[in-house]
């Protein structure tokens, strides 16, 4: 086994048709596939907010999949902010609307 990769921690705001279409569950499933920890929640403004942390290559694949969206979603815009230090999330969870 190789050396562990650098851990990357990001915050995403996803806009478009992303509520009432199973997008949070899709995000949770995608996080599990790529071994991502963090959380996802709906926002009152109709967007979805995601905090994600994992190895750099896994984060890249996660972001790529989220930008494509779930079968019933329609992604219009994704803003990503990269944190300088890891957040040390233990698992990935679906949170209630903020």
C-alpha atoms as a PDB file:
ATOM      1  CA  UNK A   1       0.000   0.000   0.000  1.00  0.00           C
ATOM      2  CA  UNK A   2       1.199   3.501  -0.838  1.00  0.00           C
ATOM      3  CA  UNK A   3       1.533   6.521   1.351  1.00  0.00           C
ATOM      4  CA  UNK A   4      -1.742   8.209   2.362  1.00  0.00           C
ATOM      5  CA  UNK A   5      -2.547  11.241   0.267  1.00  0.00           C
ATOM      6  CA  UNK A   6      -2.931  14.766   1.511  1.00  0.00           C
ATOM      7  CA  UNK A   7      -6.285  15.314   3.241  1.00  0.00           C
ATOM      8  CA  UNK A   8      -8.379  18.017   1.623  1.00  0.00           C
ATOM      9  CA  UNK A   9     -11.332  19.732   3.320  1.00  0.00           C
ATOM     10  CA  UNK A  10     -13.823  21.754   1.257  1.00  0.00           C
ATOM     11  CA  UNK A  11     -17.119  23.614   1.555  1.00  0.00           C
ATOM     12  CA  UNK A  12     -19.525  23.590  -1.414  1.00  0.00           C
ATOM     13  CA  UNK A  13     -22.668  25.518  -2.273  1.00  0.00           C
ATOM     14  CA  UNK A  14     -24.687  23.826  -5.011  1.00  0.00           C
ATOM     15  CA  UNK A  15     -27.457  25.735  -6.806  1.00  0.00           C
ATOM     16  CA  UNK A  16     -30.051  24.612  -9.315  1.00  0.00           C
ATOM     17  CA  UNK A  17     -32.807  22.022  -9.011  1.00  0.00           C
ATOM     18  CA  UNK A  18     -31.265  20.276  -5.999  1.00  0.00           C
ATOM     19  CA  UNK A  19     -34.095  20.086  -3.453  1.00  0.00           C
ATOM     20  CA  UNK A  20     -36.977  17.569  -3.427  1.00  0.00           C
ATOM     21  CA  UNK A  21     -35.113  15.422  -5.993  1.00  0.00           C
ATOM     22  CA  UNK A  22     -33.077  13.129  -3.697  1.00  0.00           C
ATOM     23  CA  UNK A  23     -29.898  15.183  -4.046  1.00  0.00           C
ATOM     24  CA  UNK A  24     -28.858  14.966  -0.382  1.00  0.00           C
ATOM     25  CA  UNK A  25     -29.184  11.172  -0.460  1.00  0.00           C
ATOM     26  CA  UNK A  26     -27.257  11.107  -3.764  1.00  0.00           C
ATOM     27  CA  UNK A  27     -24.532  13.204  -2.099  1.00  0.00           C
ATOM     28  CA  UNK A  28     -24.437  10.837   0.889  1.00  0.00           C
ATOM     29  CA  UNK A  29     -24.119   7.804  -1.412  1.00  0.00           C
ATOM     30  CA  UNK A  30     -21.371   9.511  -3.429  1.00  0.00           C
ATOM     31  CA  UNK A  31     -19.503  10.388  -0.227  1.00  0.00           C
ATOM     32  CA  UNK A  32     -19.578   6.743   0.825  1.00  0.00           C
ATOM     33  CA  UNK A  33     -18.253   5.583  -2.556  1.00  0.00           C
ATOM     34  CA  UNK A  34     -15.267   7.961  -2.343  1.00  0.00           C
ATOM     35  CA  UNK A  35     -14.643   7.586   1.426  1.00  0.00           C
ATOM     36  CA  UNK A  36     -15.579  11.204   2.136  1.00  0.00           C
ATOM     37  CA  UNK A  37     -16.561  12.463   5.584  1.00  0.00           C
ATOM     38  CA  UNK A  38     -18.583  15.604   6.330  1.00  0.00           C
ATOM     39  CA  UNK A  39     -22.218  16.556   5.849  1.00  0.00           C
ATOM     40  CA  UNK A  40     -24.893  17.824   3.452  1.00  0.00           C
ATOM     41  CA  UNK A  41     -27.991  19.946   4.105  1.00  0.00           C
ATOM     42  CA  UNK A  42     -30.662  21.917   2.282  1.00  0.00           C
ATOM     43  CA  UNK A  43     -30.638  25.689   2.655  1.00  0.00           C
ATOM     44  CA  UNK A  44     -33.697  27.917   2.927  1.00  0.00           C
ATOM     45  CA  UNK A  45     -32.701  29.662  -0.332  1.00  0.00           C
ATOM     46  CA  UNK A  46     -33.138  26.417  -2.331  1.00  0.00           C
ATOM     47  CA  UNK A  47     -29.447  25.559  -2.521  1.00  0.00           C
ATOM     48  CA  UNK A  48     -27.608  22.613  -0.977  1.00  0.00           C
ATOM     49  CA  UNK A  49     -24.576  23.070   1.271  1.00  0.00           C
ATOM     50  CA  UNK A  50     -21.878  20.401   1.539  1.00  0.00           C
ATOM     51  CA  UNK A  51     -18.844  20.067   3.795  1.00  0.00           C
ATOM     52  CA  UNK A  52     -16.529  17.321   2.558  1.00  0.00           C
ATOM     53  CA  UNK A  53     -13.173  15.950   3.611  1.00  0.00           C
ATOM     54  CA  UNK A  54     -11.014  13.143   2.274  1.00  0.00           C
ATOM     55  CA  UNK A  55      -7.891  12.270   0.355  1.00  0.00           C
ATOM     56  CA  UNK A  56      -7.198  14.719  -2.470  1.00  0.00           C
ATOM     57  CA  UNK A  57      -7.959  12.287  -5.328  1.00  0.00           C
ATOM     58  CA  UNK A  58     -11.177  11.126  -3.618  1.00  0.00           C
ATOM     59  CA  UNK A  59     -12.306  14.739  -3.128  1.00  0.00           C
ATOM     60  CA  UNK A  60     -11.625  15.438  -6.811  1.00  0.00           C
ATOM     61  CA  UNK A  61     -13.820  12.493  -7.879  1.00  0.00           C
ATOM     62  CA  UNK A  62     -16.503  13.468  -5.354  1.00  0.00           C
ATOM     63  CA  UNK A  63     -16.645  17.051  -6.671  1.00  0.00           C
ATOM     64  CA  UNK A  64     -16.746  15.831 -10.286  1.00  0.00           C
ATOM     65  CA  UNK A  65     -19.710  13.551  -9.489  1.00  0.00           C
ATOM     66  CA  UNK A  66     -21.569  16.234  -7.511  1.00  0.00           C
ATOM     67  CA  UNK A  67     -21.159  18.697 -10.398  1.00  0.00           C
ATOM     68  CA  UNK A  68     -22.828  16.162 -12.734  1.00  0.00           C
ATOM     69  CA  UNK A  69     -25.698  15.802 -10.268  1.00  0.00           C
ATOM     70  CA  UNK A  70     -28.211  13.081  -9.555  1.00  0.00           C
ATOM     71  CA  UNK A  71     -30.611  11.762 -12.213  1.00  0.00           C
ATOM     72  CA  UNK A  72     -33.397  14.190 -11.195  1.00  0.00           C
ATOM     73  CA  UNK A  73     -31.306  17.224 -10.280  1.00  0.00           C
ATOM     74  CA  UNK A  74     -30.125  20.019 -12.534  1.00  0.00           C
ATOM     75  CA  UNK A  75     -26.935  21.722 -11.371  1.00  0.00           C
ATOM     76  CA  UNK A  76     -26.614  25.390 -12.336  1.00  0.00           C
ATOM     77  CA  UNK A  77     -23.721  26.562 -10.164  1.00  0.00           C
ATOM     78  CA  UNK A  78     -21.203  25.112  -7.697  1.00  0.00           C
ATOM     79  CA  UNK A  79     -19.028  27.313  -5.483  1.00  0.00           C
ATOM     80  CA  UNK A  80     -16.134  25.620  -3.694  1.00  0.00           C
ATOM     81  CA  UNK A  81     -14.042  26.941  -0.831  1.00  0.00           C
ATOM     82  CA  UNK A  82     -11.008  24.983   0.339  1.00  0.00           C
ATOM     83  CA  UNK A  83     -10.194  25.042   4.052  1.00  0.00           C
ATOM     84  CA  UNK A  84      -6.548  25.338   5.071  1.00  0.00           C
ATOM     85  CA  UNK A  85      -6.797  22.772   7.870  1.00  0.00           C
ATOM     86  CA  UNK A  86      -8.738  19.487   8.092  1.00  0.00           C
ATOM     87  CA  UNK A  87     -12.047  19.499   9.969  1.00  0.00           C
ATOM     88  CA  UNK A  88     -11.634  15.879  11.117  1.00  0.00           C
ATOM     89  CA  UNK A  89     -15.190  14.729  10.362  1.00  0.00           C
ATOM     90  CA  UNK A  90     -15.797  11.126  11.439  1.00  0.00           C
ATOM     91  CA  UNK A  91     -18.505  10.145   8.941  1.00  0.00           C
ATOM     92  CA  UNK A  92     -20.765  11.676   6.291  1.00  0.00           C
ATOM     93  CA  UNK A  93     -24.240  12.691   7.426  1.00  0.00           C
ATOM     94  CA  UNK A  94     -27.399  14.293   6.110  1.00  0.00           C
ATOM     95  CA  UNK A  95     -28.309  17.280   8.281  1.00  0.00           C
ATOM     96  CA  UNK A  96     -31.606  19.099   8.638  1.00  0.00           C
ATOM     97  CA  UNK A  97     -32.254  22.299   6.677  1.00  0.00           C
ATOM     98  CA  UNK A  98     -30.365  25.316   7.987  1.00  0.00           C
END
